[in-house]
Amino acid sequence: REIAIDSFFTGPGRSVMEKGEIIENFIIPIRETKGEFLKLG
C-alpha cells in the first residue's frame, strides 16, 4: 500500500505502519523544485 508522507506519522515515534510492514520505497513525482535545507543542531 502507498501512504502520503503527510498521513504516515501519527505522533512522535508513531506511524501508521502495522505489524509486519516494512517501508519498501519512497516514490516522489519528478517536477521542477527549488529549495534549501538548513539544519539547526
All heavy atoms as atom14 arrays in JSON, in Angstrom:
{
  "sequence": "REIAIDSFFTGPGRSVMEKGEIIENFIIPIRETKGEFLKLG",
  "atom14_mask": [
    [1, 1, 1, 1, 1, 1, 1, 1, 1, 1, 1, 0, 0, 0],
    [1, 1, 1, 1, 1, 1, 1, 1, 1, 0, 0, 0, 0, 0],
    [1, 1, 1, 1, 1, 1, 1, 1, 0, 0, 0, 0, 0, 0],
    [1, 1, 1, 1, 1, 0, 0, 0, 0, 0, 0, 0, 0, 0],
    [1, 1, 1, 1, 1, 1, 1, 1, 0, 0, 0, 0, 0, 0],
    [1, 1, 1, 1, 1, 1, 1, 1, 0, 0, 0, 0, 0, 0],
    [1, 1, 1, 1, 1, 1, 0, 0, 0, 0, 0, 0, 0, 0],
    [1, 1, 1, 1, 1, 1, 1, 1, 1, 1, 1, 0, 0, 0],
    [1, 1, 1, 1, 1, 1, 1, 1, 1, 1, 1, 0, 0, 0],
    [1, 1, 1, 1, 1, 1, 1, 0, 0, 0, 0, 0, 0, 0],
    [1, 1, 1, 1, 0, 0, 0, 0, 0, 0, 0, 0, 0, 0],
    [1, 1, 1, 1, 1, 1, 1, 0, 0, 0, 0, 0, 0, 0],
    [1, 1, 1, 1, 0, 0, 0, 0, 0, 0, 0, 0, 0, 0],
    [1, 1, 1, 1, 1, 1, 1, 1, 1, 1, 1, 0, 0, 0],
    [1, 1, 1, 1, 1, 1, 0, 0, 0, 0, 0, 0, 0, 0],
    [1, 1, 1, 1, 1, 1, 1, 0, 0, 0, 0, 0, 0, 0],
    [1, 1, 1, 1, 1, 1, 1, 1, 0, 0, 0, 0, 0, 0],
    [1, 1, 1, 1, 1, 1, 1, 1, 1, 0, 0, 0, 0, 0],
    [1, 1, 1, 1, 1, 1, 1, 1, 1, 0, 0, 0, 0, 0],
    [1, 1, 1, 1, 0, 0, 0, 0, 0, 0, 0, 0, 0, 0],
    [1, 1, 1, 1, 1, 1, 1, 1, 1, 0, 0, 0, 0, 0],
    [1, 1, 1, 1, 1, 1, 1, 1, 0, 0, 0, 0, 0, 0],
    [1, 1, 1, 1, 1, 1, 1, 1, 0, 0, 0, 0, 0, 0],
    [1, 1, 1, 1, 1, 1, 1, 1, 1, 0, 0, 0, 0, 0],
    [1, 1, 1, 1, 1, 1, 1, 1, 0, 0, 0, 0, 0, 0],
    [1, 1, 1, 1, 1, 1, 1, 1, 1, 1, 1, 0, 0, 0],
    [1, 1, 1, 1, 1, 1, 1, 1, 0, 0, 0, 0, 0, 0],
    [1, 1, 1, 1, 1, 1, 1, 1, 0, 0, 0, 0, 0, 0],
    [1, 1, 1, 1, 1, 1, 1, 0, 0, 0, 0, 0, 0, 0],
    [1, 1, 1, 1, 1, 1, 1, 1, 0, 0, 0, 0, 0, 0],
    [1, 1, 1, 1, 1, 1, 1, 1, 1, 1, 1, 0, 0, 0],
    [1, 1, 1, 1, 1, 1, 1, 1, 1, 0, 0, 0, 0, 0],
    [1, 1, 1, 1, 1, 1, 1, 0, 0, 0, 0, 0, 0, 0],
    [1, 1, 1, 1, 1, 1, 1, 1, 1, 0, 0, 0, 0, 0],
    [1, 1, 1, 1, 0, 0, 0, 0, 0, 0, 0, 0, 0, 0],
    [1, 1, 1, 1, 1, 1, 1, 1, 1, 0, 0, 0, 0, 0],
    [1, 1, 1, 1, 1, 1, 1, 1, 1, 1, 1, 0, 0, 0],
    [1, 1, 1, 1, 1, 1, 1, 1, 0, 0, 0, 0, 0, 0],
    [1, 1, 1, 1, 1, 1, 1, 1, 1, 0, 0, 0, 0, 0],
    [1, 1, 1, 1, 1, 1, 1, 1, 0, 0, 0, 0, 0, 0],
    [1, 1, 1, 1, 0, 0, 0, 0, 0, 0, 0, 0, 0, 0]
  ],
  "atom14_positions": [
    [[0.85, -1.19, 0.0], [0.0, 0.0, 0.0], [0.89, 1.24, 0.0], [2.05, 1.19, 0.41], [-0.95, 0.01, 1.2], [-0.28, 0.08, 2.56], [-1.3, 0.0, 3.69], [-0.65, 0.01, 4.99], [-0.97, 0.8, 5.99], [-1.95, 1.68, 5.85], [-0.35, 0.73, 7.14], [0.0, 0.0, 0.0], [0.0, 0.0, 0.0], [0.0, 0.0, 0.0]],
    [[0.32, 2.33, -0.51], [1.04, 3.61, -0.54], [0.33, 4.6, 0.36], [-0.9, 4.69, 0.37], [1.11, 4.17, -1.96], [2.12, 3.45, -2.82], [2.29, 4.08, -4.19], [1.96, 5.28, -4.37], [2.74, 3.37, -5.09], [0.0, 0.0, 0.0], [0.0, 0.0, 0.0], [0.0, 0.0, 0.0], [0.0, 0.0, 0.0], [0.0, 0.0, 0.0]],
    [[1.13, 5.33, 1.11], [0.64, 6.34, 2.06], [1.37, 7.65, 1.77], [2.6, 7.65, 1.65], [0.95, 5.92, 3.52], [0.39, 4.55, 3.85], [0.5, 6.97, 4.51], [-1.1, 4.49, 3.96], [0.0, 0.0, 0.0], [0.0, 0.0, 0.0], [0.0, 0.0, 0.0], [0.0, 0.0, 0.0], [0.0, 0.0, 0.0], [0.0, 0.0, 0.0]],
    [[0.64, 8.74, 1.67], [1.27, 10.05, 1.54], [2.03, 10.34, 2.83], [1.56, 10.01, 3.92], [0.23, 11.13, 1.29], [0.0, 0.0, 0.0], [0.0, 0.0, 0.0], [0.0, 0.0, 0.0], [0.0, 0.0, 0.0], [0.0, 0.0, 0.0], [0.0, 0.0, 0.0], [0.0, 0.0, 0.0], [0.0, 0.0, 0.0], [0.0, 0.0, 0.0]],
    [[3.2, 10.94, 2.7], [4.01, 11.18, 3.89], [3.27, 12.01, 4.93], [3.45, 11.8, 6.13], [5.38, 11.8, 3.55], [6.3, 11.72, 4.78], [5.23, 13.23, 3.03], [7.75, 11.83, 4.49], [0.0, 0.0, 0.0], [0.0, 0.0, 0.0], [0.0, 0.0, 0.0], [0.0, 0.0, 0.0], [0.0, 0.0, 0.0], [0.0, 0.0, 0.0]],
    [[2.4, 12.9, 4.5], [1.69, 13.72, 5.49], [0.6, 12.95, 6.23], [0.01, 13.44, 7.18], [1.14, 15.0, 4.87], [0.14, 14.77, 3.76], [-0.16, 13.61, 3.44], [-0.34, 15.77, 3.21], [0.0, 0.0, 0.0], [0.0, 0.0, 0.0], [0.0, 0.0, 0.0], [0.0, 0.0, 0.0], [0.0, 0.0, 0.0], [0.0, 0.0, 0.0]],
    [[0.35, 11.7, 5.84], [-0.58, 10.82, 6.55], [0.13, 9.69, 7.27], [-0.5, 8.87, 7.95], [-1.6, 10.23, 5.58], [-2.36, 11.23, 4.97], [0.0, 0.0, 0.0], [0.0, 0.0, 0.0], [0.0, 0.0, 0.0], [0.0, 0.0, 0.0], [0.0, 0.0, 0.0], [0.0, 0.0, 0.0], [0.0, 0.0, 0.0], [0.0, 0.0, 0.0]],
    [[1.44, 9.61, 7.13], [2.22, 8.49, 7.66], [2.44, 8.58, 9.17], [2.32, 7.6, 9.88], [3.57, 8.42, 6.93], [4.44, 7.29, 7.36], [4.17, 5.98, 6.96], [5.55, 7.51, 8.17], [4.98, 4.92, 7.36], [6.37, 6.46, 8.57], [6.08, 5.17, 8.16], [0.0, 0.0, 0.0], [0.0, 0.0, 0.0], [0.0, 0.0, 0.0]],
    [[2.74, 9.75, 9.66], [3.08, 9.93, 11.08], [1.83, 10.21, 11.9], [0.99, 10.99, 11.5], [4.09, 11.07, 11.25], [5.33, 10.87, 10.43], [5.52, 11.56, 9.25], [6.3, 9.97, 10.84], [6.66, 11.38, 8.48], [7.44, 9.77, 10.08], [7.62, 10.47, 8.9], [0.0, 0.0, 0.0], [0.0, 0.0, 0.0], [0.0, 0.0, 0.0]],
    [[1.74, 9.56, 13.06], [0.6, 9.79, 13.95], [1.02, 10.47, 15.24], [0.18, 10.8, 16.06], [-0.12, 8.46, 14.27], [0.8, 7.57, 14.89], [-0.7, 7.83, 13.01], [0.0, 0.0, 0.0], [0.0, 0.0, 0.0], [0.0, 0.0, 0.0], [0.0, 0.0, 0.0], [0.0, 0.0, 0.0], [0.0, 0.0, 0.0], [0.0, 0.0, 0.0]],
    [[2.3, 10.68, 15.42], [2.83, 11.34, 16.61], [4.31, 11.04, 16.73], [4.85, 10.26, 15.94], [0.0, 0.0, 0.0], [0.0, 0.0, 0.0], [0.0, 0.0, 0.0], [0.0, 0.0, 0.0], [0.0, 0.0, 0.0], [0.0, 0.0, 0.0], [0.0, 0.0, 0.0], [0.0, 0.0, 0.0], [0.0, 0.0, 0.0], [0.0, 0.0, 0.0]],
    [[4.99, 11.64, 17.7], [6.42, 11.35, 17.88], [6.65, 9.86, 18.13], [6.06, 9.26, 19.03], [6.8, 12.18, 19.11], [5.77, 13.26, 19.17], [4.5, 12.64, 18.64], [0.0, 0.0, 0.0], [0.0, 0.0, 0.0], [0.0, 0.0, 0.0], [0.0, 0.0, 0.0], [0.0, 0.0, 0.0], [0.0, 0.0, 0.0], [0.0, 0.0, 0.0]],
    [[7.46, 9.24, 17.28], [7.77, 7.83, 17.41], [6.66, 6.9, 16.95], [6.76, 5.69, 17.13], [0.0, 0.0, 0.0], [0.0, 0.0, 0.0], [0.0, 0.0, 0.0], [0.0, 0.0, 0.0], [0.0, 0.0, 0.0], [0.0, 0.0, 0.0], [0.0, 0.0, 0.0], [0.0, 0.0, 0.0], [0.0, 0.0, 0.0], [0.0, 0.0, 0.0]],
    [[5.61, 7.44, 16.33], [4.47, 6.61, 15.92], [4.11, 6.89, 14.46], [4.2, 8.02, 13.98], [3.27, 6.9, 16.81], [3.51, 6.51, 18.26], [2.26, 6.59, 19.14], [1.33, 7.65, 18.82], [1.27, 8.83, 19.45], [2.1, 9.1, 20.42], [0.37, 9.72, 19.1], [0.0, 0.0, 0.0], [0.0, 0.0, 0.0], [0.0, 0.0, 0.0]],
    [[3.64, 5.82, 13.8], [3.23, 5.95, 12.4], [2.08, 4.98, 12.14], [1.66, 4.25, 13.02], [4.41, 5.61, 11.46], [4.66, 4.22, 11.48], [0.0, 0.0, 0.0], [0.0, 0.0, 0.0], [0.0, 0.0, 0.0], [0.0, 0.0, 0.0], [0.0, 0.0, 0.0], [0.0, 0.0, 0.0], [0.0, 0.0, 0.0], [0.0, 0.0, 0.0]],
    [[1.61, 4.98, 10.91], [0.52, 4.09, 10.51], [1.0, 2.69, 10.15], [0.19, 1.84, 9.78], [-0.3, 4.68, 9.33], [-0.94, 6.0, 9.72], [0.57, 4.82, 8.09], [0.0, 0.0, 0.0], [0.0, 0.0, 0.0], [0.0, 0.0, 0.0], [0.0, 0.0, 0.0], [0.0, 0.0, 0.0], [0.0, 0.0, 0.0], [0.0, 0.0, 0.0]],
    [[2.3, 2.43, 10.28], [2.82, 1.1, 9.95], [2.19, 0.06, 10.87], [2.07, 0.27, 12.07], [4.34, 1.06, 10.09], [5.06, 1.79, 8.99], [6.86, 1.74, 9.16], [7.18, 0.01, 8.86], [0.0, 0.0, 0.0], [0.0, 0.0, 0.0], [0.0, 0.0, 0.0], [0.0, 0.0, 0.0], [0.0, 0.0, 0.0], [0.0, 0.0, 0.0]],
    [[1.79, -1.05, 10.27], [1.19, -2.14, 11.01], [2.21, -3.25, 11.24], [3.26, -3.29, 10.57], [-0.02, -2.69, 10.24], [-1.12, -1.65, 10.07], [-2.25, -2.1, 9.17], [-2.2, -3.24, 8.65], [-3.19, -1.31, 8.99], [0.0, 0.0, 0.0], [0.0, 0.0, 0.0], [0.0, 0.0, 0.0], [0.0, 0.0, 0.0], [0.0, 0.0, 0.0]],
    [[1.93, -4.13, 12.18], [2.83, -5.24, 12.5], [3.14, -6.02, 11.22], [2.23, -6.39, 10.47], [2.16, -6.16, 13.53], [2.98, -7.34, 13.96], [4.04, -6.96, 14.95], [4.73, -8.22, 15.48], [6.12, -8.02, 15.72], [0.0, 0.0, 0.0], [0.0, 0.0, 0.0], [0.0, 0.0, 0.0], [0.0, 0.0, 0.0], [0.0, 0.0, 0.0]],
    [[4.41, -6.22, 10.96], [4.82, -6.97, 9.79], [5.08, -6.12, 8.56], [5.54, -6.63, 7.55], [0.0, 0.0, 0.0], [0.0, 0.0, 0.0], [0.0, 0.0, 0.0], [0.0, 0.0, 0.0], [0.0, 0.0, 0.0], [0.0, 0.0, 0.0], [0.0, 0.0, 0.0], [0.0, 0.0, 0.0], [0.0, 0.0, 0.0], [0.0, 0.0, 0.0]],
    [[4.81, -4.82, 8.62], [5.04, -3.97, 7.45], [6.47, -3.4, 7.46], [7.03, -3.12, 8.52], [4.05, -2.8, 7.4], [2.68, -3.22, 6.94], [1.76, -2.05, 6.69], [1.75, -1.09, 7.5], [1.03, -2.11, 5.69], [0.0, 0.0, 0.0], [0.0, 0.0, 0.0], [0.0, 0.0, 0.0], [0.0, 0.0, 0.0], [0.0, 0.0, 0.0]],
    [[6.97, -3.23, 6.26], [8.3, -2.67, 6.04], [8.16, -1.59, 4.98], [7.44, -1.77, 4.0], [9.27, -3.76, 5.53], [9.48, -4.83, 6.62], [10.61, -3.16, 5.11], [10.23, -6.05, 6.13], [0.0, 0.0, 0.0], [0.0, 0.0, 0.0], [0.0, 0.0, 0.0], [0.0, 0.0, 0.0], [0.0, 0.0, 0.0], [0.0, 0.0, 0.0]],
    [[8.86, -0.48, 5.16], [8.91, 0.53, 4.09], [9.74, -0.06, 2.96], [10.89, -0.46, 3.16], [9.52, 1.85, 4.58], [8.67, 2.48, 5.68], [9.68, 2.83, 3.4], [9.26, 3.74, 6.3], [0.0, 0.0, 0.0], [0.0, 0.0, 0.0], [0.0, 0.0, 0.0], [0.0, 0.0, 0.0], [0.0, 0.0, 0.0], [0.0, 0.0, 0.0]],
    [[9.14, -0.13, 1.79], [9.84, -0.67, 0.63], [10.48, 0.43, -0.2], [11.65, 0.35, -0.56], [8.87, -1.49, -0.23], [9.53, -2.16, -1.41], [8.57, -3.06, -2.17], [7.36, -3.1, -1.86], [9.05, -3.75, -3.09], [0.0, 0.0, 0.0], [0.0, 0.0, 0.0], [0.0, 0.0, 0.0], [0.0, 0.0, 0.0], [0.0, 0.0, 0.0]],
    [[9.7, 1.46, -0.52], [10.18, 2.53, -1.39], [9.58, 3.88, -0.98], [8.53, 3.93, -0.34], [9.76, 2.29, -2.85], [10.45, 1.11, -3.47], [11.66, 1.08, -3.61], [9.67, 0.1, -3.84], [0.0, 0.0, 0.0], [0.0, 0.0, 0.0], [0.0, 0.0, 0.0], [0.0, 0.0, 0.0], [0.0, 0.0, 0.0], [0.0, 0.0, 0.0]],
    [[10.24, 4.91, -1.44], [9.71, 6.26, -1.4], [9.51, 6.65, -2.85], [10.42, 6.49, -3.67], [10.7, 7.22, -0.72], [10.93, 6.88, 0.72], [11.87, 5.94, 1.09], [10.18, 7.49, 1.72], [12.07, 5.61, 2.42], [10.37, 7.17, 3.04], [11.32, 6.22, 3.4], [0.0, 0.0, 0.0], [0.0, 0.0, 0.0], [0.0, 0.0, 0.0]],
    [[8.33, 7.14, -3.18], [8.02, 7.49, -4.57], [7.74, 8.98, -4.61], [6.85, 9.49, -3.93], [6.82, 6.68, -5.08], [7.15, 5.17, -4.97], [6.48, 7.08, -6.51], [5.98, 4.26, -5.16], [0.0, 0.0, 0.0], [0.0, 0.0, 0.0], [0.0, 0.0, 0.0], [0.0, 0.0, 0.0], [0.0, 0.0, 0.0], [0.0, 0.0, 0.0]],
    [[8.54, 9.68, -5.41], [8.45, 11.14, -5.47], [8.23, 11.56, -6.92], [9.02, 11.19, -7.8], [9.74, 11.8, -4.93], [10.05, 11.27, -3.51], [9.61, 13.32, -4.93], [11.39, 11.72, -2.97], [0.0, 0.0, 0.0], [0.0, 0.0, 0.0], [0.0, 0.0, 0.0], [0.0, 0.0, 0.0], [0.0, 0.0, 0.0], [0.0, 0.0, 0.0]],
    [[7.19, 12.35, -7.19], [6.96, 12.83, -8.56], [8.09, 13.77, -8.99], [8.52, 14.64, -8.22], [5.63, 13.57, -8.48], [5.41, 13.86, -7.03], [6.19, 12.86, -6.25], [0.0, 0.0, 0.0], [0.0, 0.0, 0.0], [0.0, 0.0, 0.0], [0.0, 0.0, 0.0], [0.0, 0.0, 0.0], [0.0, 0.0, 0.0], [0.0, 0.0, 0.0]],
    [[8.56, 13.56, -10.21], [9.63, 14.42, -10.74], [9.01, 15.67, -11.31], [8.13, 15.61, -12.17], [10.45, 13.68, -11.81], [11.19, 12.49, -11.17], [11.44, 14.62, -12.49], [11.87, 11.59, -12.17], [0.0, 0.0, 0.0], [0.0, 0.0, 0.0], [0.0, 0.0, 0.0], [0.0, 0.0, 0.0], [0.0, 0.0, 0.0], [0.0, 0.0, 0.0]],
    [[9.4, 16.77, -10.77], [8.96, 18.08, -11.26], [10.01, 19.1, -10.83], [10.86, 18.81, -10.0], [7.59, 18.43, -10.7], [7.54, 18.48, -9.19], [6.11, 18.68, -8.69], [6.03, 18.76, -7.26], [6.06, 17.76, -6.41], [6.19, 16.54, -6.86], [5.99, 17.94, -5.12], [0.0, 0.0, 0.0], [0.0, 0.0, 0.0], [0.0, 0.0, 0.0]],
    [[9.93, 20.26, -11.4], [10.9, 21.28, -11.04], [10.69, 21.69, -9.58], [9.57, 22.0, -9.16], [10.76, 22.51, -11.93], [11.83, 23.53, -11.66], [11.77, 24.71, -12.61], [11.16, 24.59, -13.68], [12.33, 25.76, -12.25], [0.0, 0.0, 0.0], [0.0, 0.0, 0.0], [0.0, 0.0, 0.0], [0.0, 0.0, 0.0], [0.0, 0.0, 0.0]],
    [[11.76, 21.65, -8.83], [11.69, 22.06, -7.42], [12.81, 23.05, -7.15], [13.86, 23.01, -7.77], [11.84, 20.87, -6.46], [13.14, 20.28, -6.63], [10.78, 19.82, -6.7], [0.0, 0.0, 0.0], [0.0, 0.0, 0.0], [0.0, 0.0, 0.0], [0.0, 0.0, 0.0], [0.0, 0.0, 0.0], [0.0, 0.0, 0.0], [0.0, 0.0, 0.0]],
    [[12.55, 23.9, -6.21], [13.58, 24.82, -5.71], [13.47, 24.82, -4.21], [12.38, 24.76, -3.66], [13.36, 26.23, -6.25], [13.56, 26.33, -7.74], [13.4, 27.73, -8.23], [13.43, 27.66, -9.74], [14.15, 28.7, -10.36], [0.0, 0.0, 0.0], [0.0, 0.0, 0.0], [0.0, 0.0, 0.0], [0.0, 0.0, 0.0], [0.0, 0.0, 0.0]],
    [[14.58, 24.84, -3.57], [14.53, 24.84, -2.11], [15.92, 24.78, -1.53], [16.93, 24.71, -2.24], [0.0, 0.0, 0.0], [0.0, 0.0, 0.0], [0.0, 0.0, 0.0], [0.0, 0.0, 0.0], [0.0, 0.0, 0.0], [0.0, 0.0, 0.0], [0.0, 0.0, 0.0], [0.0, 0.0, 0.0], [0.0, 0.0, 0.0], [0.0, 0.0, 0.0]],
    [[15.95, 24.79, -0.23], [17.2, 24.73, 0.51], [16.96, 23.92, 1.77], [15.84, 23.9, 2.29], [17.67, 26.13, 0.87], [19.01, 26.2, 1.55], [20.14, 25.65, 0.69], [20.32, 26.12, -0.45], [20.82, 24.74, 1.17], [0.0, 0.0, 0.0], [0.0, 0.0, 0.0], [0.0, 0.0, 0.0], [0.0, 0.0, 0.0], [0.0, 0.0, 0.0]],
    [[17.97, 23.24, 2.25], [17.86, 22.53, 3.52], [18.93, 23.07, 4.45], [20.12, 23.04, 4.13], [18.05, 21.02, 3.34], [17.88, 20.27, 4.64], [16.63, 19.89, 5.05], [18.97, 20.01, 5.45], [16.44, 19.23, 6.26], [18.8, 19.35, 6.66], [17.54, 18.96, 7.06], [0.0, 0.0, 0.0], [0.0, 0.0, 0.0], [0.0, 0.0, 0.0]],
    [[18.49, 23.57, 5.57], [19.4, 24.05, 6.6], [19.04, 23.34, 7.89], [17.86, 23.2, 8.23], [19.25, 25.57, 6.8], [19.52, 26.42, 5.57], [19.14, 27.86, 5.83], [20.98, 26.32, 5.15], [0.0, 0.0, 0.0], [0.0, 0.0, 0.0], [0.0, 0.0, 0.0], [0.0, 0.0, 0.0], [0.0, 0.0, 0.0], [0.0, 0.0, 0.0]],
    [[20.06, 22.9, 8.6], [19.82, 22.16, 9.83], [20.24, 23.0, 11.02], [21.35, 23.55, 11.06], [20.63, 20.85, 9.82], [20.46, 20.03, 11.08], [21.19, 18.72, 10.95], [21.06, 17.89, 12.2], [21.69, 16.57, 12.04], [0.0, 0.0, 0.0], [0.0, 0.0, 0.0], [0.0, 0.0, 0.0], [0.0, 0.0, 0.0], [0.0, 0.0, 0.0]],
    [[19.36, 23.1, 11.98], [19.68, 23.74, 13.23], [19.95, 22.63, 14.24], [19.06, 21.86, 14.59], [18.49, 24.61, 13.71], [18.67, 25.28, 15.06], [19.84, 26.26, 15.02], [17.39, 26.0, 15.46], [0.0, 0.0, 0.0], [0.0, 0.0, 0.0], [0.0, 0.0, 0.0], [0.0, 0.0, 0.0], [0.0, 0.0, 0.0], [0.0, 0.0, 0.0]],
    [[21.2, 22.51, 14.64], [21.54, 21.43, 15.56], [22.87, 21.68, 16.22], [23.62, 22.59, 15.83], [0.0, 0.0, 0.0], [0.0, 0.0, 0.0], [0.0, 0.0, 0.0], [0.0, 0.0, 0.0], [0.0, 0.0, 0.0], [0.0, 0.0, 0.0], [0.0, 0.0, 0.0], [0.0, 0.0, 0.0], [0.0, 0.0, 0.0], [0.0, 0.0, 0.0]]
  ]
}
